[in-house]
Amino acid sequence: MLPSVVYIVDDDVSFQTAIRRRLQLAGYEVQIYSSAEQFMDQQPDDSRLGCLLLDVRMSGPELQGRLHEADSTLPTLFVSAYNDINTVVQTVKAGAEDFLIKPVTSDVLLAAIERAIARHEVSRKLQSGALILLR
């Protein structure tokens, strides 16, 4: 089975490098995009388990909306160096999995990614009808 993939949309090269190293050590495949446009142009196949780690200032809410319109099941984790409560509320109400403030510790990041990927797996099973919920 292929490892889960974390798609990162962030233009901070030092953040990209540090996060890539940490996630690869944890066993994830990492794909990095420098802009939301680049990500959408090369939009990944939704069939792989994974999540999107997205800097909110990289057109994050707009990309989140475009993915929703495309019926993507890929969970979105937002990261930002700015703790703007209005943006946090907006993205979470629109379905973001989590909103993390930079600098984020490895433990917090990995826990958020694990939750997002677990939710992606459940979403895909629900979408395919493979998961039957019993009352």
C-alpha atoms as a PDB file:
ATOM      1  CA  MET A   1       0.000   0.000   0.000  1.00  0.00           C
ATOM      2  CA  LEU A   2       1.225   3.481  -0.861  1.00  0.00           C
ATOM      3  CA  PRO A   3       2.029   5.816   2.045  1.00  0.00           C
ATOM      4  CA  SER A   4      -0.422   8.602   2.750  1.00  0.00           C
ATOM      5  CA  VAL A   5       0.478  11.859   1.062  1.00  0.00           C
ATOM      6  CA  VAL A   6       0.562  15.351   2.521  1.00  0.00           C
ATOM      7  CA  TYR A   7       0.168  18.125  -0.039  1.00  0.00           C
ATOM      8  CA  ILE A   8       1.731  21.359   1.150  1.00  0.00           C
ATOM      9  CA  VAL A   9       0.842  24.748  -0.335  1.00  0.00           C
ATOM     10  CA  ASP A  10       3.217  27.311   1.155  1.00  0.00           C
ATOM     11  CA  ASP A  11       5.767  29.712  -0.294  1.00  0.00           C
ATOM     12  CA  ASP A  12       8.068  29.722   2.752  1.00  0.00           C
ATOM     13  CA  VAL A  13      11.022  27.598   1.631  1.00  0.00           C
ATOM     14  CA  SER A  14      12.378  27.081   5.155  1.00  0.00           C
ATOM     15  CA  PHE A  15       8.929  25.892   6.331  1.00  0.00           C
ATOM     16  CA  GLN A  16       8.651  23.603   3.282  1.00  0.00           C
ATOM     17  CA  THR A  17      12.053  22.065   3.982  1.00  0.00           C
ATOM     18  CA  ALA A  18      11.493  21.545   7.704  1.00  0.00           C
ATOM     19  CA  ILE A  19       7.990  20.117   7.281  1.00  0.00           C
ATOM     20  CA  ARG A  20       9.034  17.857   4.391  1.00  0.00           C
ATOM     21  CA  ARG A  21      11.842  16.363   6.486  1.00  0.00           C
ATOM     22  CA  ARG A  22       9.627  15.826   9.517  1.00  0.00           C
ATOM     23  CA  LEU A  23       6.768  14.273   7.549  1.00  0.00           C
ATOM     24  CA  GLN A  24       9.027  11.995   5.529  1.00  0.00           C
ATOM     25  CA  LEU A  25      10.600  10.754   8.781  1.00  0.00           C
ATOM     26  CA  ALA A  26       7.059   9.953   9.954  1.00  0.00           C
ATOM     27  CA  GLY A  27       6.478   7.875   6.802  1.00  0.00           C
ATOM     28  CA  TYR A  28       4.426  10.265   4.689  1.00  0.00           C
ATOM     29  CA  GLU A  29       4.931  11.128   1.057  1.00  0.00           C
ATOM     30  CA  VAL A  30       5.169  14.900   0.654  1.00  0.00           C
ATOM     31  CA  GLN A  31       4.313  16.994  -2.387  1.00  0.00           C
ATOM     32  CA  ILE A  32       5.015  20.720  -2.243  1.00  0.00           C
ATOM     33  CA  TYR A  33       3.362  23.515  -4.215  1.00  0.00           C
ATOM     34  CA  SER A  34       4.428  27.160  -4.081  1.00  0.00           C
ATOM     35  CA  SER A  35       0.961  28.526  -4.872  1.00  0.00           C
ATOM     36  CA  ALA A  36      -2.710  27.611  -4.838  1.00  0.00           C
ATOM     37  CA  GLU A  37      -2.737  27.954  -8.626  1.00  0.00           C
ATOM     38  CA  GLN A  38       0.088  25.430  -8.991  1.00  0.00           C
ATOM     39  CA  PHE A  39      -1.799  23.001  -6.749  1.00  0.00           C
ATOM     40  CA  MET A  40      -5.029  23.381  -8.742  1.00  0.00           C
ATOM     41  CA  ASP A  41      -3.172  23.001 -12.051  1.00  0.00           C
ATOM     42  CA  GLN A  42      -1.692  19.725 -10.818  1.00  0.00           C
ATOM     43  CA  GLN A  43      -4.589  18.782  -8.555  1.00  0.00           C
ATOM     44  CA  PRO A  44      -3.815  15.397  -7.050  1.00  0.00           C
ATOM     45  CA  ASP A  45      -5.901  12.314  -7.492  1.00  0.00           C
ATOM     46  CA  ASP A  46      -8.436  12.079  -4.661  1.00  0.00           C
ATOM     47  CA  SER A  47      -7.981   8.298  -4.583  1.00  0.00           C
ATOM     48  CA  ARG A  48      -4.803   8.554  -2.465  1.00  0.00           C
ATOM     49  CA  LEU A  49      -5.215   8.866   1.269  1.00  0.00           C
ATOM     50  CA  GLY A  50      -3.866  12.178   2.398  1.00  0.00           C
ATOM     51  CA  CYS A  51      -4.511  15.761   3.370  1.00  0.00           C
ATOM     52  CA  LEU A  52      -3.724  19.293   2.326  1.00  0.00           C
ATOM     53  CA  LEU A  53      -1.576  21.525   4.544  1.00  0.00           C
ATOM     54  CA  LEU A  54      -2.341  25.023   3.331  1.00  0.00           C
ATOM     55  CA  ASP A  55      -0.977  28.412   4.348  1.00  0.00           C
ATOM     56  CA  VAL A  56      -4.053  30.591   4.758  1.00  0.00           C
ATOM     57  CA  ARG A  57      -2.310  33.545   3.082  1.00  0.00           C
ATOM     58  CA  MET A  58      -1.724  31.484  -0.080  1.00  0.00           C
ATOM     59  CA  SER A  59      -5.333  32.027  -1.260  1.00  0.00           C
ATOM     60  CA  GLY A  60      -6.309  29.394   1.278  1.00  0.00           C
ATOM     61  CA  PRO A  61     -10.026  30.094   1.681  1.00  0.00           C
ATOM     62  CA  GLU A  62     -10.444  30.440  -2.093  1.00  0.00           C
ATOM     63  CA  LEU A  63      -8.654  27.130  -2.731  1.00  0.00           C
ATOM     64  CA  GLN A  64     -10.777  25.499  -0.024  1.00  0.00           C
ATOM     65  CA  GLY A  65     -13.911  26.688  -1.854  1.00  0.00           C
ATOM     66  CA  ARG A  66     -12.663  25.457  -5.227  1.00  0.00           C
ATOM     67  CA  LEU A  67     -11.908  22.016  -3.786  1.00  0.00           C
ATOM     68  CA  HIS A  68     -15.374  21.882  -2.227  1.00  0.00           C
ATOM     69  CA  GLU A  69     -16.951  22.783  -5.588  1.00  0.00           C
ATOM     70  CA  ALA A  70     -14.927  19.973  -7.192  1.00  0.00           C
ATOM     71  CA  ASP A  71     -16.353  17.509  -4.602  1.00  0.00           C
ATOM     72  CA  SER A  72     -12.887  16.803  -3.231  1.00  0.00           C
ATOM     73  CA  THR A  73     -12.791  14.691  -0.080  1.00  0.00           C
ATOM     74  CA  LEU A  74      -9.232  15.831   0.697  1.00  0.00           C
ATOM     75  CA  PRO A  75      -9.197  17.272   4.245  1.00  0.00           C
ATOM     76  CA  THR A  76      -7.633  20.709   4.615  1.00  0.00           C
ATOM     77  CA  LEU A  77      -5.406  21.782   7.492  1.00  0.00           C
ATOM     78  CA  PHE A  78      -4.673  25.490   7.540  1.00  0.00           C
ATOM     79  CA  VAL A  79      -1.465  26.972   8.913  1.00  0.00           C
ATOM     80  CA  SER A  80      -0.714  30.613   9.523  1.00  0.00           C
ATOM     81  CA  ALA A  81       1.742  32.802  11.350  1.00  0.00           C
ATOM     82  CA  TYR A  82      -1.179  35.097  12.172  1.00  0.00           C
ATOM     83  CA  ASN A  83      -3.828  34.299  14.757  1.00  0.00           C
ATOM     84  CA  ASP A  84      -6.790  36.005  13.070  1.00  0.00           C
ATOM     85  CA  ILE A  85      -9.935  34.660  14.742  1.00  0.00           C
ATOM     86  CA  ASN A  86     -12.217  35.718  11.874  1.00  0.00           C
ATOM     87  CA  THR A  87     -10.159  33.703   9.379  1.00  0.00           C
ATOM     88  CA  VAL A  88     -10.027  30.712  11.725  1.00  0.00           C
ATOM     89  CA  VAL A  89     -13.812  30.756  12.129  1.00  0.00           C
ATOM     90  CA  GLN A  90     -14.395  31.241   8.384  1.00  0.00           C
ATOM     91  CA  THR A  91     -12.183  28.301   7.363  1.00  0.00           C
ATOM     92  CA  VAL A  92     -13.471  25.932  10.048  1.00  0.00           C
ATOM     93  CA  LYS A  93     -17.108  26.738   9.210  1.00  0.00           C
ATOM     94  CA  ALA A  94     -16.257  26.002   5.567  1.00  0.00           C
ATOM     95  CA  GLY A  95     -15.031  22.539   6.561  1.00  0.00           C
ATOM     96  CA  ALA A  96     -11.356  22.857   7.441  1.00  0.00           C
ATOM     97  CA  GLU A  97     -10.076  19.960   9.499  1.00  0.00           C
ATOM     98  CA  ASP A  98      -7.936  22.197  11.710  1.00  0.00           C
ATOM     99  CA  PHE A  99      -6.200  25.581  11.887  1.00  0.00           C
ATOM    100  CA  LEU A 100      -2.632  25.565  13.218  1.00  0.00           C
ATOM    101  CA  ILE A 101      -0.567  28.601  14.200  1.00  0.00           C
ATOM    102  CA  LYS A 102       3.106  28.737  13.129  1.00  0.00           C
ATOM    103  CA  PRO A 103       5.432  27.785  14.580  1.00  0.00           C
ATOM    104  CA  VAL A 104       3.686  24.467  15.100  1.00  0.00           C
ATOM    105  CA  THR A 105       5.307  21.656  17.078  1.00  0.00           C
ATOM    106  CA  SER A 106       5.901  18.292  15.429  1.00  0.00           C
ATOM    107  CA  ASP A 107       3.552  16.555  17.868  1.00  0.00           C
ATOM    108  CA  VAL A 108       0.665  18.946  17.156  1.00  0.00           C
ATOM    109  CA  LEU A 109       1.258  18.809  13.399  1.00  0.00           C
ATOM    110  CA  LEU A 110       1.495  15.022  13.232  1.00  0.00           C
ATOM    111  CA  ALA A 111      -1.608  14.562  15.392  1.00  0.00           C
ATOM    112  CA  ALA A 112      -3.584  16.924  13.152  1.00  0.00           C
ATOM    113  CA  ILE A 113      -2.377  15.135  10.015  1.00  0.00           C
ATOM    114  CA  GLU A 114      -3.257  11.718  11.461  1.00  0.00           C
ATOM    115  CA  ARG A 115      -6.794  12.922  12.302  1.00  0.00           C
ATOM    116  CA  ALA A 116      -7.207  14.433   8.844  1.00  0.00           C
ATOM    117  CA  ILE A 117      -6.061  11.277   7.072  1.00  0.00           C
ATOM    118  CA  ALA A 118      -8.313   9.113   9.241  1.00  0.00           C
ATOM    119  CA  ARG A 119     -11.233  11.372   8.305  1.00  0.00           C
ATOM    120  CA  HIS A 120     -10.250  11.174   4.635  1.00  0.00           C
ATOM    121  CA  GLU A 121     -10.363   7.382   4.829  1.00  0.00           C
ATOM    122  CA  VAL A 122     -13.847   7.446   6.389  1.00  0.00           C
ATOM    123  CA  SER A 123     -15.072  10.042   3.844  1.00  0.00           C
ATOM    124  CA  ARG A 124     -13.875   7.911   0.949  1.00  0.00           C
ATOM    125  CA  LYS A 125     -15.548   4.805   2.382  1.00  0.00           C
ATOM    126  CA  LEU A 126     -18.792   6.688   2.923  1.00  0.00           C
ATOM    127  CA  GLN A 127     -18.630   8.072  -0.593  1.00  0.00           C
ATOM    128  CA  SER A 128     -18.080   4.624  -2.076  1.00  0.00           C
ATOM    129  CA  GLY A 129     -20.853   3.114   0.050  1.00  0.00           C
ATOM    130  CA  ALA A 130     -18.388   0.677   1.605  1.00  0.00           C
ATOM    131  CA  LEU A 131     -19.115   1.847   5.130  1.00  0.00           C
ATOM    132  CA  ILE A 132     -22.498   1.062   6.611  1.00  0.00           C
ATOM    133  CA  LEU A 133     -23.405   2.903   9.766  1.00  0.00           C
ATOM    134  CA  LEU A 134     -25.518   0.993  12.242  1.00  0.00           C
ATOM    135  CA  ARG A 135     -27.775   2.708  14.726  1.00  0.00           C
END
